[in-house]
Amino acid sequence: MALPIEELGRLISRRRGGQGIRAAAAEADVSPATLSRVENGNVPDLATFAKICRWLEVDPALFLGVEVSPKPPQPAVVHFRKKKTVSPDTAQSLAELILAAQRAKNAQLALKRR
């Protein structure tokens, strides 16, 4: 179920709490005027929308009505399976390693944003 875009402003307000607009905008990597406009119900451009969603730690798909697949595709497995010198078990292990590294990187970036 998609969230209405108006909910973005309420999420910004809730995330910002008592924090000033300038400090919150700096965290979100947008201008204070832009963050204020979006908080007050204006629709942002796509780049700003992406930055705000990252800052809010909200999947943009929630607003776009896009269904998110429960399991991300594993292109590394497909690539390694094509090469006959790599066993399916090795390909699966390498894919899991790559995905774990990506999750760890994303978690580290999320911690830096807080």
PDB file of N, CA and C in Angstrom:
ATOM      1  N   MET A   1       0.839  -1.178   0.000  1.00  0.00           N
ATOM      2  CA  MET A   1       0.000   0.000   0.000  1.00  0.00           C
ATOM      3  C   MET A   1       0.888   1.246   0.000  1.00  0.00           C
ATOM      4  N   ALA A   2       0.604   2.162  -0.902  1.00  0.00           N
ATOM      5  CA  ALA A   2       1.403   3.369  -1.040  1.00  0.00           C
ATOM      6  C   ALA A   2       1.002   4.415   0.003  1.00  0.00           C
ATOM      7  N   LEU A   3       1.995   5.143   0.467  1.00  0.00           N
ATOM      8  CA  LEU A   3       1.739   6.263   1.367  1.00  0.00           C
ATOM      9  C   LEU A   3       1.473   7.507   0.532  1.00  0.00           C
ATOM     10  N   PRO A   4       0.563   8.368   0.956  1.00  0.00           N
ATOM     11  CA  PRO A   4       0.381   9.626   0.217  1.00  0.00           C
ATOM     12  C   PRO A   4       1.612  10.508   0.402  1.00  0.00           C
ATOM     13  N   ILE A   5       1.939  11.278  -0.616  1.00  0.00           N
ATOM     14  CA  ILE A   5       3.130  12.125  -0.567  1.00  0.00           C
ATOM     15  C   ILE A   5       3.045  13.138   0.574  1.00  0.00           C
ATOM     16  N   GLU A   6       1.839  13.467   1.001  1.00  0.00           N
ATOM     17  CA  GLU A   6       1.676  14.392   2.126  1.00  0.00           C
ATOM     18  C   GLU A   6       2.293  13.821   3.416  1.00  0.00           C
ATOM     19  N   GLU A   7       2.366  12.508   3.484  1.00  0.00           N
ATOM     20  CA  GLU A   7       2.938  11.859   4.663  1.00  0.00           C
ATOM     21  C   GLU A   7       4.434  12.180   4.793  1.00  0.00           C
ATOM     22  N   LEU A   8       5.079  12.506   3.691  1.00  0.00           N
ATOM     23  CA  LEU A   8       6.500  12.855   3.726  1.00  0.00           C
ATOM     24  C   LEU A   8       6.738  14.037   4.653  1.00  0.00           C
ATOM     25  N   GLY A   9       5.902  15.050   4.575  1.00  0.00           N
ATOM     26  CA  GLY A   9       6.035  16.220   5.445  1.00  0.00           C
ATOM     27  C   GLY A   9       5.867  15.860   6.910  1.00  0.00           C
ATOM     28  N   ARG A  10       4.911  14.996   7.201  1.00  0.00           N
ATOM     29  CA  ARG A  10       4.701  14.568   8.594  1.00  0.00           C
ATOM     30  C   ARG A  10       5.891  13.751   9.107  1.00  0.00           C
ATOM     31  N   LEU A  11       6.467  12.926   8.232  1.00  0.00           N
ATOM     32  CA  LEU A  11       7.643  12.147   8.638  1.00  0.00           C
ATOM     33  C   LEU A  11       8.838  13.065   8.903  1.00  0.00           C
ATOM     34  N   ILE A  12       8.983  14.088   8.083  1.00  0.00           N
ATOM     35  CA  ILE A  12      10.073  15.059   8.301  1.00  0.00           C
ATOM     36  C   ILE A  12       9.878  15.746   9.646  1.00  0.00           C
ATOM     37  N   SER A  13       8.673  16.195   9.898  1.00  0.00           N
ATOM     38  CA  SER A  13       8.374  16.882  11.156  1.00  0.00           C
ATOM     39  C   SER A  13       8.658  15.979  12.352  1.00  0.00           C
ATOM     40  N   ARG A  14       8.234  14.741  12.255  1.00  0.00           N
ATOM     41  CA  ARG A  14       8.451  13.780  13.348  1.00  0.00           C
ATOM     42  C   ARG A  14       9.941  13.500  13.536  1.00  0.00           C
ATOM     43  N   ARG A  15      10.680  13.321  12.441  1.00  0.00           N
ATOM     44  CA  ARG A  15      12.119  13.011  12.520  1.00  0.00           C
ATOM     45  C   ARG A  15      12.890  14.211  13.055  1.00  0.00           C
ATOM     46  N   ARG A  16      12.468  15.391  12.641  1.00  0.00           N
ATOM     47  CA  ARG A  16      13.146  16.609  13.062  1.00  0.00           C
ATOM     48  C   ARG A  16      12.925  16.878  14.540  1.00  0.00           C
ATOM     49  N   GLY A  17      11.742  16.580  15.050  1.00  0.00           N
ATOM     50  CA  GLY A  17      11.447  16.801  16.457  1.00  0.00           C
ATOM     51  C   GLY A  17      11.710  18.237  16.847  1.00  0.00           C
ATOM     52  N   GLY A  18      12.506  18.437  17.889  1.00  0.00           N
ATOM     53  CA  GLY A  18      12.847  19.776  18.348  1.00  0.00           C
ATOM     54  C   GLY A  18      14.073  20.342  17.674  1.00  0.00           C
ATOM     55  N   GLN A  19      14.642  19.596  16.761  1.00  0.00           N
ATOM     56  CA  GLN A  19      15.850  20.034  16.069  1.00  0.00           C
ATOM     57  C   GLN A  19      15.505  21.168  15.106  1.00  0.00           C
ATOM     58  N   GLY A  20      16.364  22.128  15.004  1.00  0.00           N
ATOM     59  CA  GLY A  20      16.147  23.249  14.093  1.00  0.00           C
ATOM     60  C   GLY A  20      16.172  22.808  12.640  1.00  0.00           C
ATOM     61  N   ILE A  21      15.541  23.600  11.805  1.00  0.00           N
ATOM     62  CA  ILE A  21      15.440  23.272  10.381  1.00  0.00           C
ATOM     63  C   ILE A  21      16.817  23.247   9.717  1.00  0.00           C
ATOM     64  N   ARG A  22      17.711  24.149  10.136  1.00  0.00           N
ATOM     65  CA  ARG A  22      19.049  24.181   9.532  1.00  0.00           C
ATOM     66  C   ARG A  22      19.849  22.921   9.848  1.00  0.00           C
ATOM     67  N   ALA A  23      19.811  22.479  11.090  1.00  0.00           N
ATOM     68  CA  ALA A  23      20.545  21.272  11.474  1.00  0.00           C
ATOM     69  C   ALA A  23      19.968  20.044  10.775  1.00  0.00           C
ATOM     70  N   ALA A  24      18.650  19.952  10.721  1.00  0.00           N
ATOM     71  CA  ALA A  24      18.007  18.809  10.061  1.00  0.00           C
ATOM     72  C   ALA A  24      18.319  18.807   8.571  1.00  0.00           C
ATOM     73  N   ALA A  25      18.273  19.980   7.953  1.00  0.00           N
ATOM     74  CA  ALA A  25      18.569  20.084   6.521  1.00  0.00           C
ATOM     75  C   ALA A  25      20.014  19.685   6.233  1.00  0.00           C
ATOM     76  N   ALA A  26      20.924  20.070   7.112  1.00  0.00           N
ATOM     77  CA  ALA A  26      22.329  19.687   6.935  1.00  0.00           C
ATOM     78  C   ALA A  26      22.480  18.173   6.998  1.00  0.00           C
ATOM     79  N   GLU A  27      21.777  17.538   7.934  1.00  0.00           N
ATOM     80  CA  GLU A  27      21.821  16.071   8.027  1.00  0.00           C
ATOM     81  C   GLU A  27      21.256  15.424   6.770  1.00  0.00           C
ATOM     82  N   ALA A  28      20.192  16.006   6.243  1.00  0.00           N
ATOM     83  CA  ALA A  28      19.528  15.447   5.058  1.00  0.00           C
ATOM     84  C   ALA A  28      20.241  15.827   3.767  1.00  0.00           C
ATOM     85  N   ASP A  29      21.206  16.734   3.848  1.00  0.00           N
ATOM     86  CA  ASP A  29      21.968  17.196   2.690  1.00  0.00           C
ATOM     87  C   ASP A  29      21.092  17.946   1.686  1.00  0.00           C
ATOM     88  N   VAL A  30      20.163  18.754   2.220  1.00  0.00           N
ATOM     89  CA  VAL A  30      19.334  19.641   1.396  1.00  0.00           C
ATOM     90  C   VAL A  30      19.352  21.028   2.037  1.00  0.00           C
ATOM     91  N   SER A  31      18.882  22.009   1.318  1.00  0.00           N
ATOM     92  CA  SER A  31      18.866  23.354   1.891  1.00  0.00           C
ATOM     93  C   SER A  31      17.745  23.466   2.927  1.00  0.00           C
ATOM     94  N   PRO A  32      17.910  24.350   3.912  1.00  0.00           N
ATOM     95  CA  PRO A  32      16.849  24.545   4.903  1.00  0.00           C
ATOM     96  C   PRO A  32      15.524  24.962   4.266  1.00  0.00           C
ATOM     97  N   ALA A  33      15.595  25.821   3.251  1.00  0.00           N
ATOM     98  CA  ALA A  33      14.363  26.265   2.582  1.00  0.00           C
ATOM     99  C   ALA A  33      13.652  25.090   1.914  1.00  0.00           C
ATOM    100  N   THR A  34      14.423  24.234   1.286  1.00  0.00           N
ATOM    101  CA  THR A  34      13.837  23.066   0.612  1.00  0.00           C
ATOM    102  C   THR A  34      13.196  22.136   1.621  1.00  0.00           C
ATOM    103  N   LEU A  35      13.909  21.834   2.710  1.00  0.00           N
ATOM    104  CA  LEU A  35      13.353  20.930   3.720  1.00  0.00           C
ATOM    105  C   LEU A  35      12.077  21.526   4.310  1.00  0.00           C
ATOM    106  N   SER A  36      12.071  22.812   4.543  1.00  0.00           N
ATOM    107  CA  SER A  36      10.888  23.484   5.082  1.00  0.00           C
ATOM    108  C   SER A  36       9.716  23.386   4.111  1.00  0.00           C
ATOM    109  N   ARG A  37       9.976  23.619   2.826  1.00  0.00           N
ATOM    110  CA  ARG A  37       8.905  23.533   1.826  1.00  0.00           C
ATOM    111  C   ARG A  37       8.309  22.130   1.773  1.00  0.00           C
ATOM    112  N   VAL A  38       9.165  21.114   1.785  1.00  0.00           N
ATOM    113  CA  VAL A  38       8.674  19.730   1.720  1.00  0.00           C
ATOM    114  C   VAL A  38       7.914  19.390   3.002  1.00  0.00           C
ATOM    115  N   GLU A  39       8.432  19.838   4.131  1.00  0.00           N
ATOM    116  CA  GLU A  39       7.742  19.602   5.400  1.00  0.00           C
ATOM    117  C   GLU A  39       6.351  20.238   5.396  1.00  0.00           C
ATOM    118  N   ASN A  40       6.209  21.338   4.674  1.00  0.00           N
ATOM    119  CA  ASN A  40       4.929  22.035   4.604  1.00  0.00           C
ATOM    120  C   ASN A  40       4.035  21.556   3.465  1.00  0.00           C
ATOM    121  N   GLY A  41       4.417  20.449   2.823  1.00  0.00           N
ATOM    122  CA  GLY A  41       3.525  19.827   1.849  1.00  0.00           C
ATOM    123  C   GLY A  41       3.885  19.957   0.391  1.00  0.00           C
ATOM    124  N   ASN A  42       4.950  20.680   0.066  1.00  0.00           N
ATOM    125  CA  ASN A  42       5.365  20.767  -1.339  1.00  0.00           C
ATOM    126  C   ASN A  42       6.054  19.478  -1.767  1.00  0.00           C
ATOM    127  N   VAL A  43       5.873  19.121  -3.011  1.00  0.00           N
ATOM    128  CA  VAL A  43       6.469  17.894  -3.553  1.00  0.00           C
ATOM    129  C   VAL A  43       7.892  18.210  -4.016  1.00  0.00           C
ATOM    130  N   PRO A  44       8.879  17.443  -3.542  1.00  0.00           N
ATOM    131  CA  PRO A  44      10.267  17.707  -3.933  1.00  0.00           C
ATOM    132  C   PRO A  44      10.594  17.121  -5.304  1.00  0.00           C
ATOM    133  N   ASP A  45      11.722  17.581  -5.867  1.00  0.00           N
ATOM    134  CA  ASP A  45      12.217  16.937  -7.087  1.00  0.00           C
ATOM    135  C   ASP A  45      12.785  15.573  -6.706  1.00  0.00           C
ATOM    136  N   LEU A  46      13.110  14.758  -7.687  1.00  0.00           N
ATOM    137  CA  LEU A  46      13.538  13.380  -7.408  1.00  0.00           C
ATOM    138  C   LEU A  46      14.821  13.293  -6.590  1.00  0.00           C
ATOM    139  N   ALA A  47      15.798  14.150  -6.893  1.00  0.00           N
ATOM    140  CA  ALA A  47      17.064  14.107  -6.154  1.00  0.00           C
ATOM    141  C   ALA A  47      16.839  14.454  -4.685  1.00  0.00           C
ATOM    142  N   THR A  48      16.034  15.489  -4.444  1.00  0.00           N
ATOM    143  CA  THR A  48      15.726  15.882  -3.066  1.00  0.00           C
ATOM    144  C   THR A  48      14.914  14.795  -2.373  1.00  0.00           C
ATOM    145  N   PHE A  49      13.947  14.233  -3.089  1.00  0.00           N
ATOM    146  CA  PHE A  49      13.132  13.147  -2.558  1.00  0.00           C
ATOM    147  C   PHE A  49      14.017  11.989  -2.105  1.00  0.00           C
ATOM    148  N   ALA A  50      15.002  11.627  -2.926  1.00  0.00           N
ATOM    149  CA  ALA A  50      15.906  10.528  -2.577  1.00  0.00           C
ATOM    150  C   ALA A  50      16.720  10.861  -1.329  1.00  0.00           C
ATOM    151  N   LYS A  51      17.237  12.076  -1.244  1.00  0.00           N
ATOM    152  CA  LYS A  51      18.038  12.477  -0.072  1.00  0.00           C
ATOM    153  C   LYS A  51      17.194  12.444   1.201  1.00  0.00           C
ATOM    154  N   ILE A  52      15.974  12.961   1.094  1.00  0.00           N
ATOM    155  CA  ILE A  52      15.103  13.005   2.274  1.00  0.00           C
ATOM    156  C   ILE A  52      14.713  11.596   2.700  1.00  0.00           C
ATOM    157  N   CYS A  53      14.423  10.738   1.745  1.00  0.00           N
ATOM    158  CA  CYS A  53      14.080   9.348   2.086  1.00  0.00           C
ATOM    159  C   CYS A  53      15.244   8.644   2.774  1.00  0.00           C
ATOM    160  N   ARG A  54      16.476   8.895   2.287  1.00  0.00           N
ATOM    161  CA  ARG A  54      17.654   8.308   2.949  1.00  0.00           C
ATOM    162  C   ARG A  54      17.771   8.827   4.373  1.00  0.00           C
ATOM    163  N   TRP A  55      17.594  10.122   4.545  1.00  0.00           N
ATOM    164  CA  TRP A  55      17.684  10.733   5.880  1.00  0.00           C
ATOM    165  C   TRP A  55      16.609  10.178   6.797  1.00  0.00           C
ATOM    166  N   LEU A  56      15.416   9.996   6.262  1.00  0.00           N
ATOM    167  CA  LEU A  56      14.318   9.447   7.060  1.00  0.00           C
ATOM    168  C   LEU A  56      14.439   7.936   7.260  1.00  0.00           C
ATOM    169  N   GLU A  57      15.328   7.326   6.474  1.00  0.00           N
ATOM    170  CA  GLU A  57      15.478   5.865   6.473  1.00  0.00           C
ATOM    171  C   GLU A  57      14.156   5.203   6.086  1.00  0.00           C
ATOM    172  N   VAL A  58      13.549   5.754   5.034  1.00  0.00           N
ATOM    173  CA  VAL A  58      12.279   5.264   4.508  1.00  0.00           C
ATOM    174  C   VAL A  58      12.496   4.853   3.063  1.00  0.00           C
ATOM    175  N   ASP A  59      11.957   3.726   2.687  1.00  0.00           N
ATOM    176  CA  ASP A  59      12.068   3.249   1.318  1.00  0.00           C
ATOM    177  C   ASP A  59      11.184   4.118   0.414  1.00  0.00           C
ATOM    178  N   PRO A  60      11.763   4.760  -0.608  1.00  0.00           N
ATOM    179  CA  PRO A  60      10.967   5.601  -1.503  1.00  0.00           C
ATOM    180  C   PRO A  60       9.817   4.839  -2.163  1.00  0.00           C
ATOM    181  N   ALA A  61       9.962   3.547  -2.297  1.00  0.00           N
ATOM    182  CA  ALA A  61       8.926   2.728  -2.921  1.00  0.00           C
ATOM    183  C   ALA A  61       7.600   2.833  -2.171  1.00  0.00           C
ATOM    184  N   LEU A  62       7.651   3.148  -0.879  1.00  0.00           N
ATOM    185  CA  LEU A  62       6.419   3.296  -0.105  1.00  0.00           C
ATOM    186  C   LEU A  62       5.548   4.426  -0.638  1.00  0.00           C
ATOM    187  N   PHE A  63       6.172   5.465  -1.162  1.00  0.00           N
ATOM    188  CA  PHE A  63       5.428   6.600  -1.697  1.00  0.00           C
ATOM    189  C   PHE A  63       5.067   6.410  -3.168  1.00  0.00           C
ATOM    190  N   LEU A  64       5.846   5.593  -3.855  1.00  0.00           N
ATOM    191  CA  LEU A  64       5.669   5.438  -5.289  1.00  0.00           C
ATOM    192  C   LEU A  64       4.717   4.308  -5.658  1.00  0.00           C
ATOM    193  N   GLY A  65       4.299   3.540  -4.671  1.00  0.00           N
ATOM    194  CA  GLY A  65       3.394   2.433  -4.948  1.00  0.00           C
ATOM    195  C   GLY A  65       4.072   1.265  -5.634  1.00  0.00           C
ATOM    196  N   VAL A  66       5.388   1.193  -5.509  1.00  0.00           N
ATOM    197  CA  VAL A  66       6.148   0.109  -6.117  1.00  0.00           C
ATOM    198  C   VAL A  66       6.244  -1.034  -5.121  1.00  0.00           C
ATOM    199  N   GLU A  67       5.944  -2.216  -5.591  1.00  0.00           N
ATOM    200  CA  GLU A  67       6.071  -3.375  -4.709  1.00  0.00           C
ATOM    201  C   GLU A  67       7.530  -3.787  -4.647  1.00  0.00           C
ATOM    202  N   VAL A  68       8.016  -3.963  -3.435  1.00  0.00           N
ATOM    203  CA  VAL A  68       9.397  -4.346  -3.223  1.00  0.00           C
ATOM    204  C   VAL A  68       9.448  -5.859  -3.085  1.00  0.00           C
ATOM    205  N   SER A  69      10.328  -6.485  -3.864  1.00  0.00           N
ATOM    206  CA  SER A  69      10.448  -7.933  -3.765  1.00  0.00           C
ATOM    207  C   SER A  69      11.088  -8.283  -2.425  1.00  0.00           C
ATOM    208  N   PRO A  70      10.629  -9.342  -1.783  1.00  0.00           N
ATOM    209  CA  PRO A  70      11.156  -9.686  -0.474  1.00  0.00           C
ATOM    210  C   PRO A  70      12.628 -10.076  -0.494  1.00  0.00           C
ATOM    211  N   LYS A  71      13.107 -10.597  -1.602  1.00  0.00           N
ATOM    212  CA  LYS A  71      14.500 -11.022  -1.682  1.00  0.00           C
ATOM    213  C   LYS A  71      15.152 -10.333  -2.875  1.00  0.00           C
ATOM    214  N   PRO A  72      16.256  -9.617  -2.654  1.00  0.00           N
ATOM    215  CA  PRO A  72      16.892  -8.926  -3.774  1.00  0.00           C
ATOM    216  C   PRO A  72      17.478  -9.928  -4.773  1.00  0.00           C
ATOM    217  N   PRO A  73      17.549  -9.537  -6.037  1.00  0.00           N
ATOM    218  CA  PRO A  73      18.144 -10.437  -7.028  1.00  0.00           C
ATOM    219  C   PRO A  73      19.621 -10.646  -6.716  1.00  0.00           C
ATOM    220  N   GLN A  74      20.127 -11.777  -7.137  1.00  0.00           N
ATOM    221  CA  GLN A  74      21.513 -12.113  -6.871  1.00  0.00           C
ATOM    222  C   GLN A  74      22.267 -12.276  -8.181  1.00  0.00           C
ATOM    223  N   PRO A  75      22.623 -11.153  -8.834  1.00  0.00           N
ATOM    224  CA  PRO A  75      23.281 -11.245 -10.134  1.00  0.00           C
ATOM    225  C   PRO A  75      24.641 -11.926 -10.070  1.00  0.00           C
ATOM    226  N   ALA A  76      25.313 -11.840  -8.927  1.00  0.00           N
ATOM    227  CA  ALA A  76      26.631 -12.468  -8.815  1.00  0.00           C
ATOM    228  C   ALA A  76      26.523 -13.975  -8.973  1.00  0.00           C
ATOM    229  N   VAL A  77      25.466 -14.564  -8.459  1.00  0.00           N
ATOM    230  CA  VAL A  77      25.279 -16.011  -8.572  1.00  0.00           C
ATOM    231  C   VAL A  77      25.139 -16.386 -10.035  1.00  0.00           C
ATOM    232  N   VAL A  78      24.346 -15.632 -10.777  1.00  0.00           N
ATOM    233  CA  VAL A  78      24.138 -15.926 -12.188  1.00  0.00           C
ATOM    234  C   VAL A  78      25.451 -15.819 -12.943  1.00  0.00           C
ATOM    235  N   HIS A  79      26.208 -14.752 -12.672  1.00  0.00           N
ATOM    236  CA  HIS A  79      27.479 -14.552 -13.354  1.00  0.00           C
ATOM    237  C   HIS A  79      28.437 -15.712 -13.079  1.00  0.00           C
ATOM    238  N   PHE A  80      28.585 -16.081 -11.841  1.00  0.00           N
ATOM    239  CA  PHE A  80      29.534 -17.135 -11.500  1.00  0.00           C
ATOM    240  C   PHE A  80      29.072 -18.504 -11.970  1.00  0.00           C
ATOM    241  N   ARG A  81      27.793 -18.705 -12.094  1.00  0.00           N
ATOM    242  CA  ARG A  81      27.302 -20.001 -12.565  1.00  0.00           C
ATOM    243  C   ARG A  81      27.639 -20.215 -14.031  1.00  0.00           C
ATOM    244  N   LYS A  82      27.789 -19.153 -14.783  1.00  0.00           N
ATOM    245  CA  LYS A  82      28.103 -19.283 -16.200  1.00  0.00           C
ATOM    246  C   LYS A  82      29.513 -19.818 -16.422  1.00  0.00           C
ATOM    247  N   LYS A  83      30.388 -19.519 -15.502  1.00  0.00           N
ATOM    248  CA  LYS A  83      31.763 -19.970 -15.636  1.00  0.00           C
ATOM    249  C   LYS A  83      31.858 -21.369 -15.033  1.00  0.00           C
ATOM    250  N   LYS A  84      32.226 -22.322 -15.843  1.00  0.00           N
ATOM    251  CA  LYS A  84      32.209 -23.726 -15.414  1.00  0.00           C
ATOM    252  C   LYS A  84      33.260 -24.065 -14.361  1.00  0.00           C
ATOM    253  N   THR A  85      34.258 -23.203 -14.164  1.00  0.00           N
ATOM    254  CA  THR A  85      35.296 -23.499 -13.177  1.00  0.00           C
ATOM    255  C   THR A  85      34.859 -23.187 -11.754  1.00  0.00           C
ATOM    256  N   VAL A  86      33.722 -22.510 -11.603  1.00  0.00           N
ATOM    257  CA  VAL A  86      33.215 -22.164 -10.276  1.00  0.00           C
ATOM    258  C   VAL A  86      32.006 -23.049  -9.982  1.00  0.00           C
ATOM    259  N   SER A  87      32.066 -23.747  -8.853  1.00  0.00           N
ATOM    260  CA  SER A  87      30.944 -24.625  -8.497  1.00  0.00           C
ATOM    261  C   SER A  87      29.739 -23.794  -8.057  1.00  0.00           C
ATOM    262  N   PRO A  88      28.537 -24.352  -8.149  1.00  0.00           N
ATOM    263  CA  PRO A  88      27.353 -23.623  -7.685  1.00  0.00           C
ATOM    264  C   PRO A  88      27.455 -23.218  -6.212  1.00  0.00           C
ATOM    265  N   ASP A  89      28.035 -24.072  -5.385  1.00  0.00           N
ATOM    266  CA  ASP A  89      28.192 -23.736  -3.965  1.00  0.00           C
ATOM    267  C   ASP A  89      29.138 -22.545  -3.780  1.00  0.00           C
ATOM    268  N   THR A  90      30.219 -22.531  -4.546  1.00  0.00           N
ATOM    269  CA  THR A  90      31.156 -21.408  -4.467  1.00  0.00           C
ATOM    270  C   THR A  90      30.497 -20.125  -4.955  1.00  0.00           C
ATOM    271  N   ALA A  91      29.745 -20.233  -6.044  1.00  0.00           N
ATOM    272  CA  ALA A  91      29.045 -19.065  -6.580  1.00  0.00           C
ATOM    273  C   ALA A  91      28.062 -18.511  -5.548  1.00  0.00           C
ATOM    274  N   GLN A  92      27.325 -19.396  -4.897  1.00  0.00           N
ATOM    275  CA  GLN A  92      26.365 -18.970  -3.882  1.00  0.00           C
ATOM    276  C   GLN A  92      27.080 -18.311  -2.708  1.00  0.00           C
ATOM    277  N   SER A  93      28.182 -18.889  -2.272  1.00  0.00           N
ATOM    278  CA  SER A  93      28.945 -18.327  -1.153  1.00  0.00           C
ATOM    279  C   SER A  93      29.509 -16.956  -1.499  1.00  0.00           C
ATOM    280  N   LEU A  94      30.033 -16.812  -2.718  1.00  0.00           N
ATOM    281  CA  LEU A  94      30.561 -15.513  -3.135  1.00  0.00           C
ATOM    282  C   LEU A  94      29.448 -14.474  -3.213  1.00  0.00           C
ATOM    283  N   ALA A  95      28.304 -14.867  -3.723  1.00  0.00           N
ATOM    284  CA  ALA A  95      27.178 -13.938  -3.802  1.00  0.00           C
ATOM    285  C   ALA A  95      26.751 -13.489  -2.408  1.00  0.00           C
ATOM    286  N   GLU A  96      26.673 -14.423  -1.470  1.00  0.00           N
ATOM    287  CA  GLU A  96      26.299 -14.076  -0.097  1.00  0.00           C
ATOM    288  C   GLU A  96      27.326 -13.152   0.538  1.00  0.00           C
ATOM    289  N   LEU A  97      28.591 -13.376   0.244  1.00  0.00           N
ATOM    290  CA  LEU A  97      29.655 -12.516   0.759  1.00  0.00           C
ATOM    291  C   LEU A  97      29.513 -11.089   0.217  1.00  0.00           C
ATOM    292  N   ILE A  98      29.249 -10.981  -1.085  1.00  0.00           N
ATOM    293  CA  ILE A  98      29.079  -9.664  -1.699  1.00  0.00           C
ATOM    294  C   ILE A  98      27.878  -8.951  -1.101  1.00  0.00           C
ATOM    295  N   LEU A  99      26.763  -9.657  -0.963  1.00  0.00           N
ATOM    296  CA  LEU A  99      25.557  -9.044  -0.400  1.00  0.00           C
ATOM    297  C   LEU A  99      25.753  -8.662   1.064  1.00  0.00           C
ATOM    298  N   ALA A 100      26.469  -9.481   1.829  1.00  0.00           N
ATOM    299  CA  ALA A 100      26.746  -9.156   3.231  1.00  0.00           C
ATOM    300  C   ALA A 100      27.618  -7.910   3.326  1.00  0.00           C
ATOM    301  N   ALA A 101      28.582  -7.790   2.437  1.00  0.00           N
ATOM    302  CA  ALA A 101      29.438  -6.606   2.427  1.00  0.00           C
ATOM    303  C   ALA A 101      28.619  -5.358   2.101  1.00  0.00           C
ATOM    304  N   GLN A 102      27.689  -5.491   1.146  1.00  0.00           N
ATOM    305  CA  GLN A 102      26.832  -4.356   0.793  1.00  0.00           C
ATOM    306  C   GLN A 102      25.940  -3.958   1.962  1.00  0.00           C
ATOM    307  N   ARG A 103      25.361  -4.945   2.657  1.00  0.00           N
ATOM    308  CA  ARG A 103      24.518  -4.642   3.831  1.00  0.00           C
ATOM    309  C   ARG A 103      25.329  -3.962   4.916  1.00  0.00           C
ATOM    310  N   ALA A 104      26.552  -4.423   5.136  1.00  0.00           N
ATOM    311  CA  ALA A 104      27.409  -3.824   6.159  1.00  0.00           C
ATOM    312  C   ALA A 104      27.748  -2.378   5.790  1.00  0.00           C
ATOM    313  N   LYS A 105      28.010  -2.139   4.504  1.00  0.00           N
ATOM    314  CA  LYS A 105      28.310  -0.782   4.054  1.00  0.00           C
ATOM    315  C   LYS A 105      27.093   0.118   4.256  1.00  0.00           C
ATOM    316  N   ASN A 106      25.911  -0.371   3.902  1.00  0.00           N
ATOM    317  CA  ASN A 106      24.689   0.420   4.072  1.00  0.00           C
ATOM    318  C   ASN A 106      24.428   0.719   5.549  1.00  0.00           C
ATOM    319  N   ALA A 107      24.656  -0.251   6.415  1.00  0.00           N
ATOM    320  CA  ALA A 107      24.468  -0.038   7.848  1.00  0.00           C
ATOM    321  C   ALA A 107      25.457   1.004   8.371  1.00  0.00           C
ATOM    322  N   GLN A 108      26.690   0.942   7.890  1.00  0.00           N
ATOM    323  CA  GLN A 108      27.700   1.908   8.309  1.00  0.00           C
ATOM    324  C   GLN A 108      27.328   3.314   7.856  1.00  0.00           C
ATOM    325  N   LEU A 109      26.831   3.445   6.628  1.00  0.00           N
ATOM    326  CA  LEU A 109      26.402   4.751   6.136  1.00  0.00           C
ATOM    327  C   LEU A 109      25.215   5.282   6.935  1.00  0.00           C
ATOM    328  N   ALA A 110      24.297   4.400   7.304  1.00  0.00           N
ATOM    329  CA  ALA A 110      23.138   4.812   8.093  1.00  0.00           C
ATOM    330  C   ALA A 110      23.575   5.323   9.461  1.00  0.00           C
ATOM    331  N   LEU A 111      24.575   4.683  10.053  1.00  0.00           N
ATOM    332  CA  LEU A 111      25.078   5.135  11.357  1.00  0.00           C
ATOM    333  C   LEU A 111      25.751   6.499  11.255  1.00  0.00           C
ATOM    334  N   LYS A 112      26.448   6.731  10.145  1.00  0.00           N
ATOM    335  CA  LYS A 112      27.117   8.020   9.965  1.00  0.00           C
ATOM    336  C   LYS A 112      26.114   9.147   9.825  1.00  0.00           C
ATOM    337  N   ARG A 113      24.926   8.844   9.234  1.00  0.00           N
ATOM    338  CA  ARG A 113      23.910   9.874   9.023  1.00  0.00           C
ATOM    339  C   ARG A 113      23.223  10.268  10.320  1.00  0.00           C
ATOM    340  N   ARG A 114      23.306   9.449  11.331  1.00  0.00           N
ATOM    341  CA  ARG A 114      22.581   9.744  12.584  1.00  0.00           C
ATOM    342  C   ARG A 114      23.297  10.744  13.402  1.00  0.00           C
TER     343      ARG A 114
END
